[in-house]
All heavy atoms as atom14 arrays in JSON, in Angstrom:
{
  "sequence": "ENAFRGELQRRIQESDASDEPGMTLEELGDELGEPA",
  "atom14_mask": [
    [1, 1, 1, 1, 1, 1, 1, 1, 1, 0, 0, 0, 0, 0],
    [1, 1, 1, 1, 1, 1, 1, 1, 0, 0, 0, 0, 0, 0],
    [1, 1, 1, 1, 1, 0, 0, 0, 0, 0, 0, 0, 0, 0],
    [1, 1, 1, 1, 1, 1, 1, 1, 1, 1, 1, 0, 0, 0],
    [1, 1, 1, 1, 1, 1, 1, 1, 1, 1, 1, 0, 0, 0],
    [1, 1, 1, 1, 0, 0, 0, 0, 0, 0, 0, 0, 0, 0],
    [1, 1, 1, 1, 1, 1, 1, 1, 1, 0, 0, 0, 0, 0],
    [1, 1, 1, 1, 1, 1, 1, 1, 0, 0, 0, 0, 0, 0],
    [1, 1, 1, 1, 1, 1, 1, 1, 1, 0, 0, 0, 0, 0],
    [1, 1, 1, 1, 1, 1, 1, 1, 1, 1, 1, 0, 0, 0],
    [1, 1, 1, 1, 1, 1, 1, 1, 1, 1, 1, 0, 0, 0],
    [1, 1, 1, 1, 1, 1, 1, 1, 0, 0, 0, 0, 0, 0],
    [1, 1, 1, 1, 1, 1, 1, 1, 1, 0, 0, 0, 0, 0],
    [1, 1, 1, 1, 1, 1, 1, 1, 1, 0, 0, 0, 0, 0],
    [1, 1, 1, 1, 1, 1, 0, 0, 0, 0, 0, 0, 0, 0],
    [1, 1, 1, 1, 1, 1, 1, 1, 0, 0, 0, 0, 0, 0],
    [1, 1, 1, 1, 1, 0, 0, 0, 0, 0, 0, 0, 0, 0],
    [1, 1, 1, 1, 1, 1, 0, 0, 0, 0, 0, 0, 0, 0],
    [1, 1, 1, 1, 1, 1, 1, 1, 0, 0, 0, 0, 0, 0],
    [1, 1, 1, 1, 1, 1, 1, 1, 1, 0, 0, 0, 0, 0],
    [1, 1, 1, 1, 1, 1, 1, 0, 0, 0, 0, 0, 0, 0],
    [1, 1, 1, 1, 0, 0, 0, 0, 0, 0, 0, 0, 0, 0],
    [1, 1, 1, 1, 1, 1, 1, 1, 0, 0, 0, 0, 0, 0],
    [1, 1, 1, 1, 1, 1, 1, 0, 0, 0, 0, 0, 0, 0],
    [1, 1, 1, 1, 1, 1, 1, 1, 0, 0, 0, 0, 0, 0],
    [1, 1, 1, 1, 1, 1, 1, 1, 1, 0, 0, 0, 0, 0],
    [1, 1, 1, 1, 1, 1, 1, 1, 1, 0, 0, 0, 0, 0],
    [1, 1, 1, 1, 1, 1, 1, 1, 0, 0, 0, 0, 0, 0],
    [1, 1, 1, 1, 0, 0, 0, 0, 0, 0, 0, 0, 0, 0],
    [1, 1, 1, 1, 1, 1, 1, 1, 0, 0, 0, 0, 0, 0],
    [1, 1, 1, 1, 1, 1, 1, 1, 1, 0, 0, 0, 0, 0],
    [1, 1, 1, 1, 1, 1, 1, 1, 0, 0, 0, 0, 0, 0],
    [1, 1, 1, 1, 0, 0, 0, 0, 0, 0, 0, 0, 0, 0],
    [1, 1, 1, 1, 1, 1, 1, 1, 1, 0, 0, 0, 0, 0],
    [1, 1, 1, 1, 1, 1, 1, 0, 0, 0, 0, 0, 0, 0],
    [1, 1, 1, 1, 1, 0, 0, 0, 0, 0, 0, 0, 0, 0]
  ],
  "atom14_positions": [
    [[2.79, -3.91, -13.89], [1.59, -4.23, -13.12], [1.9, -5.24, -12.03], [1.41, -5.13, -10.9], [0.49, -4.74, -14.04], [-0.13, -3.66, -14.89], [-1.18, -4.2, -15.85], [-1.49, -5.42, -15.82], [-1.69, -3.39, -16.63], [0.0, 0.0, 0.0], [0.0, 0.0, 0.0], [0.0, 0.0, 0.0], [0.0, 0.0, 0.0], [0.0, 0.0, 0.0]],
    [[2.71, -6.25, -12.35], [3.07, -7.26, -11.34], [3.89, -6.64, -10.22], [3.72, -6.99, -9.05], [3.81, -8.42, -11.99], [2.9, -9.29, -12.82], [1.69, -9.28, -12.64], [3.47, -10.02, -13.77], [0.0, 0.0, 0.0], [0.0, 0.0, 0.0], [0.0, 0.0, 0.0], [0.0, 0.0, 0.0], [0.0, 0.0, 0.0], [0.0, 0.0, 0.0]],
    [[4.8, -5.73, -10.56], [5.59, -5.05, -9.54], [4.68, -4.21, -8.64], [4.84, -4.2, -7.41], [6.66, -4.17, -10.19], [0.0, 0.0, 0.0], [0.0, 0.0, 0.0], [0.0, 0.0, 0.0], [0.0, 0.0, 0.0], [0.0, 0.0, 0.0], [0.0, 0.0, 0.0], [0.0, 0.0, 0.0], [0.0, 0.0, 0.0], [0.0, 0.0, 0.0]],
    [[3.72, -3.53, -9.23], [2.77, -2.74, -8.46], [1.95, -3.63, -7.53], [1.81, -3.35, -6.34], [1.84, -1.94, -9.39], [0.66, -1.35, -8.67], [0.83, -0.3, -7.79], [-0.61, -1.86, -8.86], [-0.25, 0.24, -7.12], [-1.69, -1.33, -8.19], [-1.52, -0.28, -7.32], [0.0, 0.0, 0.0], [0.0, 0.0, 0.0], [0.0, 0.0, 0.0]],
    [[1.44, -4.72, -8.07], [0.65, -5.64, -7.24], [1.48, -6.21, -6.1], [0.99, -6.35, -4.98], [0.1, -6.78, -8.11], [-1.03, -6.36, -9.0], [-1.64, -7.55, -9.71], [-2.61, -7.1, -10.67], [-2.56, -7.33, -11.97], [-1.58, -8.05, -12.46], [-3.49, -6.87, -12.77], [0.0, 0.0, 0.0], [0.0, 0.0, 0.0], [0.0, 0.0, 0.0]],
    [[2.73, -6.55, -6.39], [3.61, -7.07, -5.34], [3.85, -6.04, -4.25], [3.82, -6.37, -3.05], [0.0, 0.0, 0.0], [0.0, 0.0, 0.0], [0.0, 0.0, 0.0], [0.0, 0.0, 0.0], [0.0, 0.0, 0.0], [0.0, 0.0, 0.0], [0.0, 0.0, 0.0], [0.0, 0.0, 0.0], [0.0, 0.0, 0.0], [0.0, 0.0, 0.0]],
    [[4.09, -4.8, -4.65], [4.31, -3.73, -3.67], [3.05, -3.49, -2.85], [3.09, -3.32, -1.63], [4.74, -2.45, -4.37], [4.94, -1.25, -3.46], [6.1, -1.4, -2.48], [6.93, -2.32, -2.63], [6.18, -0.58, -1.54], [0.0, 0.0, 0.0], [0.0, 0.0, 0.0], [0.0, 0.0, 0.0], [0.0, 0.0, 0.0], [0.0, 0.0, 0.0]],
    [[1.91, -3.51, -3.51], [0.65, -3.31, -2.82], [0.4, -4.45, -1.81], [0.04, -4.2, -0.66], [-0.5, -3.25, -3.84], [-1.88, -2.9, -3.31], [-1.87, -1.56, -2.59], [-2.87, -2.89, -4.46], [0.0, 0.0, 0.0], [0.0, 0.0, 0.0], [0.0, 0.0, 0.0], [0.0, 0.0, 0.0], [0.0, 0.0, 0.0], [0.0, 0.0, 0.0]],
    [[0.65, -5.67, -2.23], [0.48, -6.83, -1.34], [1.42, -6.74, -0.14], [1.01, -7.0, 1.0], [0.73, -8.14, -2.11], [0.48, -9.38, -1.29], [-0.98, -9.53, -0.88], [-1.88, -9.12, -1.58], [-1.2, -10.1, 0.29], [0.0, 0.0, 0.0], [0.0, 0.0, 0.0], [0.0, 0.0, 0.0], [0.0, 0.0, 0.0], [0.0, 0.0, 0.0]],
    [[2.66, -6.35, -0.37], [3.63, -6.21, 0.72], [3.15, -5.18, 1.73], [3.18, -5.41, 2.95], [5.0, -5.8, 0.16], [6.09, -5.7, 1.22], [7.39, -5.17, 0.65], [7.32, -3.76, 0.27], [7.31, -2.73, 1.12], [7.36, -2.95, 2.42], [7.25, -1.49, 0.69], [0.0, 0.0, 0.0], [0.0, 0.0, 0.0], [0.0, 0.0, 0.0]],
    [[2.67, -4.05, 1.23], [2.22, -2.99, 2.14], [0.96, -3.4, 2.9], [0.8, -3.04, 4.07], [1.98, -1.7, 1.35], [3.27, -1.06, 0.92], [3.01, 0.16, 0.07], [4.25, 0.74, -0.38], [4.6, 2.0, -0.17], [3.8, 2.8, 0.49], [5.73, 2.46, -0.63], [0.0, 0.0, 0.0], [0.0, 0.0, 0.0], [0.0, 0.0, 0.0]],
    [[0.08, -4.15, 2.25], [-1.12, -4.63, 2.94], [-0.72, -5.57, 4.07], [-1.23, -5.47, 5.19], [-2.08, -5.32, 1.95], [-2.71, -4.27, 1.03], [-3.14, -6.13, 2.67], [-3.48, -4.86, -0.14], [0.0, 0.0, 0.0], [0.0, 0.0, 0.0], [0.0, 0.0, 0.0], [0.0, 0.0, 0.0], [0.0, 0.0, 0.0], [0.0, 0.0, 0.0]],
    [[0.21, -6.48, 3.79], [0.66, -7.42, 4.83], [1.33, -6.68, 5.98], [1.11, -7.0, 7.15], [1.6, -8.46, 4.22], [0.88, -9.44, 3.32], [1.82, -10.34, 2.53], [3.02, -10.09, 2.46], [1.27, -11.39, 1.94], [0.0, 0.0, 0.0], [0.0, 0.0, 0.0], [0.0, 0.0, 0.0], [0.0, 0.0, 0.0], [0.0, 0.0, 0.0]],
    [[2.16, -5.68, 5.66], [2.81, -4.9, 6.72], [1.78, -4.16, 7.55], [1.88, -4.09, 8.78], [3.8, -3.9, 6.11], [5.09, -4.52, 5.64], [6.03, -3.48, 5.01], [5.69, -2.28, 4.98], [7.11, -3.89, 4.57], [0.0, 0.0, 0.0], [0.0, 0.0, 0.0], [0.0, 0.0, 0.0], [0.0, 0.0, 0.0], [0.0, 0.0, 0.0]],
    [[0.77, -3.6, 6.88], [-0.27, -2.86, 7.59], [-1.09, -3.79, 8.48], [-1.41, -3.44, 9.62], [-1.19, -2.17, 6.58], [-2.23, -1.51, 7.26], [0.0, 0.0, 0.0], [0.0, 0.0, 0.0], [0.0, 0.0, 0.0], [0.0, 0.0, 0.0], [0.0, 0.0, 0.0], [0.0, 0.0, 0.0], [0.0, 0.0, 0.0], [0.0, 0.0, 0.0]],
    [[-1.4, -4.98, 7.98], [-2.16, -5.95, 8.78], [-1.38, -6.4, 10.01], [-1.95, -6.67, 11.06], [-2.53, -7.17, 7.93], [-3.61, -6.86, 6.9], [-4.24, -5.78, 6.99], [-3.8, -7.7, 6.0], [0.0, 0.0, 0.0], [0.0, 0.0, 0.0], [0.0, 0.0, 0.0], [0.0, 0.0, 0.0], [0.0, 0.0, 0.0], [0.0, 0.0, 0.0]],
    [[-0.07, -6.48, 9.9], [0.77, -6.94, 11.01], [1.07, -5.83, 12.0], [1.53, -6.09, 13.11], [2.09, -7.51, 10.47], [0.0, 0.0, 0.0], [0.0, 0.0, 0.0], [0.0, 0.0, 0.0], [0.0, 0.0, 0.0], [0.0, 0.0, 0.0], [0.0, 0.0, 0.0], [0.0, 0.0, 0.0], [0.0, 0.0, 0.0], [0.0, 0.0, 0.0]],
    [[0.8, -4.6, 11.64], [1.13, -3.46, 12.49], [-0.02, -3.12, 13.42], [-1.18, -3.31, 13.1], [1.46, -2.25, 11.6], [1.58, -1.09, 12.38], [0.0, 0.0, 0.0], [0.0, 0.0, 0.0], [0.0, 0.0, 0.0], [0.0, 0.0, 0.0], [0.0, 0.0, 0.0], [0.0, 0.0, 0.0], [0.0, 0.0, 0.0], [0.0, 0.0, 0.0]],
    [[0.33, -2.58, 14.59], [-0.69, -2.1, 15.53], [-1.07, -0.65, 15.25], [-2.0, -0.13, 15.86], [-0.17, -2.21, 16.98], [-0.05, -3.65, 17.43], [-0.76, -4.51, 16.86], [0.76, -3.92, 18.34], [0.0, 0.0, 0.0], [0.0, 0.0, 0.0], [0.0, 0.0, 0.0], [0.0, 0.0, 0.0], [0.0, 0.0, 0.0], [0.0, 0.0, 0.0]],
    [[-0.33, -0.01, 14.36], [-0.6, 1.39, 14.05], [-1.77, 1.51, 13.09], [-2.03, 0.59, 12.3], [0.64, 2.03, 13.42], [1.83, 2.08, 14.36], [3.03, 2.73, 13.71], [2.85, 3.51, 12.77], [4.15, 2.45, 14.15], [0.0, 0.0, 0.0], [0.0, 0.0, 0.0], [0.0, 0.0, 0.0], [0.0, 0.0, 0.0], [0.0, 0.0, 0.0]],
    [[-2.48, 2.66, 13.16], [-3.59, 2.84, 12.23], [-3.07, 2.88, 10.78], [-1.99, 3.4, 10.51], [-4.21, 4.18, 12.63], [-3.19, 4.86, 13.47], [-2.29, 3.79, 14.04], [0.0, 0.0, 0.0], [0.0, 0.0, 0.0], [0.0, 0.0, 0.0], [0.0, 0.0, 0.0], [0.0, 0.0, 0.0], [0.0, 0.0, 0.0], [0.0, 0.0, 0.0]],
    [[-3.82, 2.28, 9.88], [-3.41, 2.24, 8.48], [-3.71, 3.53, 7.75], [-4.21, 4.5, 8.32], [0.0, 0.0, 0.0], [0.0, 0.0, 0.0], [0.0, 0.0, 0.0], [0.0, 0.0, 0.0], [0.0, 0.0, 0.0], [0.0, 0.0, 0.0], [0.0, 0.0, 0.0], [0.0, 0.0, 0.0], [0.0, 0.0, 0.0], [0.0, 0.0, 0.0]],
    [[-3.38, 3.54, 6.48], [-3.65, 4.72, 5.67], [-4.83, 4.44, 4.75], [-5.16, 3.29, 4.49], [-2.41, 5.12, 4.85], [-1.96, 4.11, 3.83], [-0.58, 4.66, 2.76], [0.69, 5.05, 3.9], [0.0, 0.0, 0.0], [0.0, 0.0, 0.0], [0.0, 0.0, 0.0], [0.0, 0.0, 0.0], [0.0, 0.0, 0.0], [0.0, 0.0, 0.0]],
    [[-5.45, 5.5, 4.28], [-6.56, 5.34, 3.33], [-6.0, 4.94, 1.97], [-4.79, 5.1, 1.7], [-7.35, 6.64, 3.19], [-6.52, 7.61, 2.56], [-7.85, 7.16, 4.53], [0.0, 0.0, 0.0], [0.0, 0.0, 0.0], [0.0, 0.0, 0.0], [0.0, 0.0, 0.0], [0.0, 0.0, 0.0], [0.0, 0.0, 0.0], [0.0, 0.0, 0.0]],
    [[-6.87, 4.45, 1.11], [-6.43, 4.11, -0.24], [-5.94, 5.35, -0.98], [-4.98, 5.27, -1.75], [-7.57, 3.44, -1.02], [-7.89, 2.0, -0.62], [-9.11, 1.5, -1.37], [-6.7, 1.09, -0.88], [0.0, 0.0, 0.0], [0.0, 0.0, 0.0], [0.0, 0.0, 0.0], [0.0, 0.0, 0.0], [0.0, 0.0, 0.0], [0.0, 0.0, 0.0]],
    [[-6.58, 6.48, -0.75], [-6.14, 7.72, -1.39], [-4.72, 8.08, -0.95], [-3.88, 8.47, -1.77], [-7.09, 8.89, -1.08], [-8.44, 8.79, -1.73], [-9.46, 8.06, -0.87], [-9.09, 7.45, 0.18], [-10.64, 8.08, -1.24], [0.0, 0.0, 0.0], [0.0, 0.0, 0.0], [0.0, 0.0, 0.0], [0.0, 0.0, 0.0], [0.0, 0.0, 0.0]],
    [[-4.44, 7.93, 0.35], [-3.09, 8.2, 0.86], [-2.07, 7.23, 0.27], [-0.96, 7.63, -0.08], [-3.08, 8.12, 2.38], [-3.85, 9.22, 3.07], [-4.05, 8.97, 4.56], [-4.02, 7.81, 5.01], [-4.23, 9.97, 5.28], [0.0, 0.0, 0.0], [0.0, 0.0, 0.0], [0.0, 0.0, 0.0], [0.0, 0.0, 0.0], [0.0, 0.0, 0.0]],
    [[-2.47, 5.96, 0.14], [-1.58, 4.98, -0.46], [-1.28, 5.35, -1.92], [-0.13, 5.31, -2.35], [-2.2, 3.58, -0.38], [-1.4, 2.46, -1.05], [-0.03, 2.31, -0.39], [-2.17, 1.16, -1.02], [0.0, 0.0, 0.0], [0.0, 0.0, 0.0], [0.0, 0.0, 0.0], [0.0, 0.0, 0.0], [0.0, 0.0, 0.0], [0.0, 0.0, 0.0]],
    [[-2.31, 5.74, -2.65], [-2.12, 6.16, -4.04], [-1.2, 7.35, -4.15], [-0.32, 7.4, -5.02], [0.0, 0.0, 0.0], [0.0, 0.0, 0.0], [0.0, 0.0, 0.0], [0.0, 0.0, 0.0], [0.0, 0.0, 0.0], [0.0, 0.0, 0.0], [0.0, 0.0, 0.0], [0.0, 0.0, 0.0], [0.0, 0.0, 0.0], [0.0, 0.0, 0.0]],
    [[-1.36, 8.31, -3.25], [-0.49, 9.49, -3.26], [0.95, 9.1, -2.96], [1.89, 9.64, -3.55], [-0.98, 10.54, -2.27], [-2.28, 11.2, -2.7], [-2.6, 11.13, -3.91], [-2.97, 11.79, -1.84], [0.0, 0.0, 0.0], [0.0, 0.0, 0.0], [0.0, 0.0, 0.0], [0.0, 0.0, 0.0], [0.0, 0.0, 0.0], [0.0, 0.0, 0.0]],
    [[1.13, 8.16, -2.03], [2.49, 7.74, -1.67], [3.16, 6.96, -2.8], [4.34, 7.14, -3.08], [2.46, 6.89, -0.4], [3.85, 6.52, 0.08], [3.84, 5.78, 1.4], [3.02, 6.11, 2.28], [4.67, 4.87, 1.55], [0.0, 0.0, 0.0], [0.0, 0.0, 0.0], [0.0, 0.0, 0.0], [0.0, 0.0, 0.0], [0.0, 0.0, 0.0]],
    [[2.39, 6.08, -3.47], [2.96, 5.27, -4.54], [3.11, 6.03, -5.85], [3.93, 5.68, -6.68], [2.1, 4.02, -4.78], [2.08, 2.99, -3.66], [1.1, 1.88, -3.98], [3.47, 2.43, -3.42], [0.0, 0.0, 0.0], [0.0, 0.0, 0.0], [0.0, 0.0, 0.0], [0.0, 0.0, 0.0], [0.0, 0.0, 0.0], [0.0, 0.0, 0.0]],
    [[2.32, 7.08, -6.04], [2.41, 7.86, -7.28], [1.69, 7.16, -8.42], [0.94, 6.21, -8.24], [0.0, 0.0, 0.0], [0.0, 0.0, 0.0], [0.0, 0.0, 0.0], [0.0, 0.0, 0.0], [0.0, 0.0, 0.0], [0.0, 0.0, 0.0], [0.0, 0.0, 0.0], [0.0, 0.0, 0.0], [0.0, 0.0, 0.0], [0.0, 0.0, 0.0]],
    [[1.93, 7.65, -9.64], [1.3, 7.07, -10.82], [2.02, 5.79, -11.21], [3.22, 5.7, -10.99], [1.33, 8.07, -11.98], [0.42, 9.26, -11.79], [-1.05, 8.91, -11.62], [-1.51, 7.87, -12.15], [-1.75, 9.66, -10.95], [0.0, 0.0, 0.0], [0.0, 0.0, 0.0], [0.0, 0.0, 0.0], [0.0, 0.0, 0.0], [0.0, 0.0, 0.0]],
    [[1.37, 4.79, -11.75], [-0.04, 4.71, -12.12], [-0.95, 4.24, -10.98], [-2.14, 4.13, -11.15], [-0.05, 3.68, -13.24], [1.05, 2.75, -12.89], [2.11, 3.63, -12.24], [0.0, 0.0, 0.0], [0.0, 0.0, 0.0], [0.0, 0.0, 0.0], [0.0, 0.0, 0.0], [0.0, 0.0, 0.0], [0.0, 0.0, 0.0], [0.0, 0.0, 0.0]],
    [[-0.36, 3.99, -9.8], [-1.15, 3.49, -8.67], [-2.28, 4.45, -8.32], [-3.41, 4.03, -8.07], [-0.25, 3.25, -7.47], [0.0, 0.0, 0.0], [0.0, 0.0, 0.0], [0.0, 0.0, 0.0], [0.0, 0.0, 0.0], [0.0, 0.0, 0.0], [0.0, 0.0, 0.0], [0.0, 0.0, 0.0], [0.0, 0.0, 0.0], [0.0, 0.0, 0.0]]
  ]
}
């Protein structure tokens, strides 16, 4: 769970710093796979 939270936090920070449009939560879940 901590590894998942860390990965999620990293991706959120990268997305916030990027000028590109982000992905939906569903897309993020699909990319991360289970259990995300």
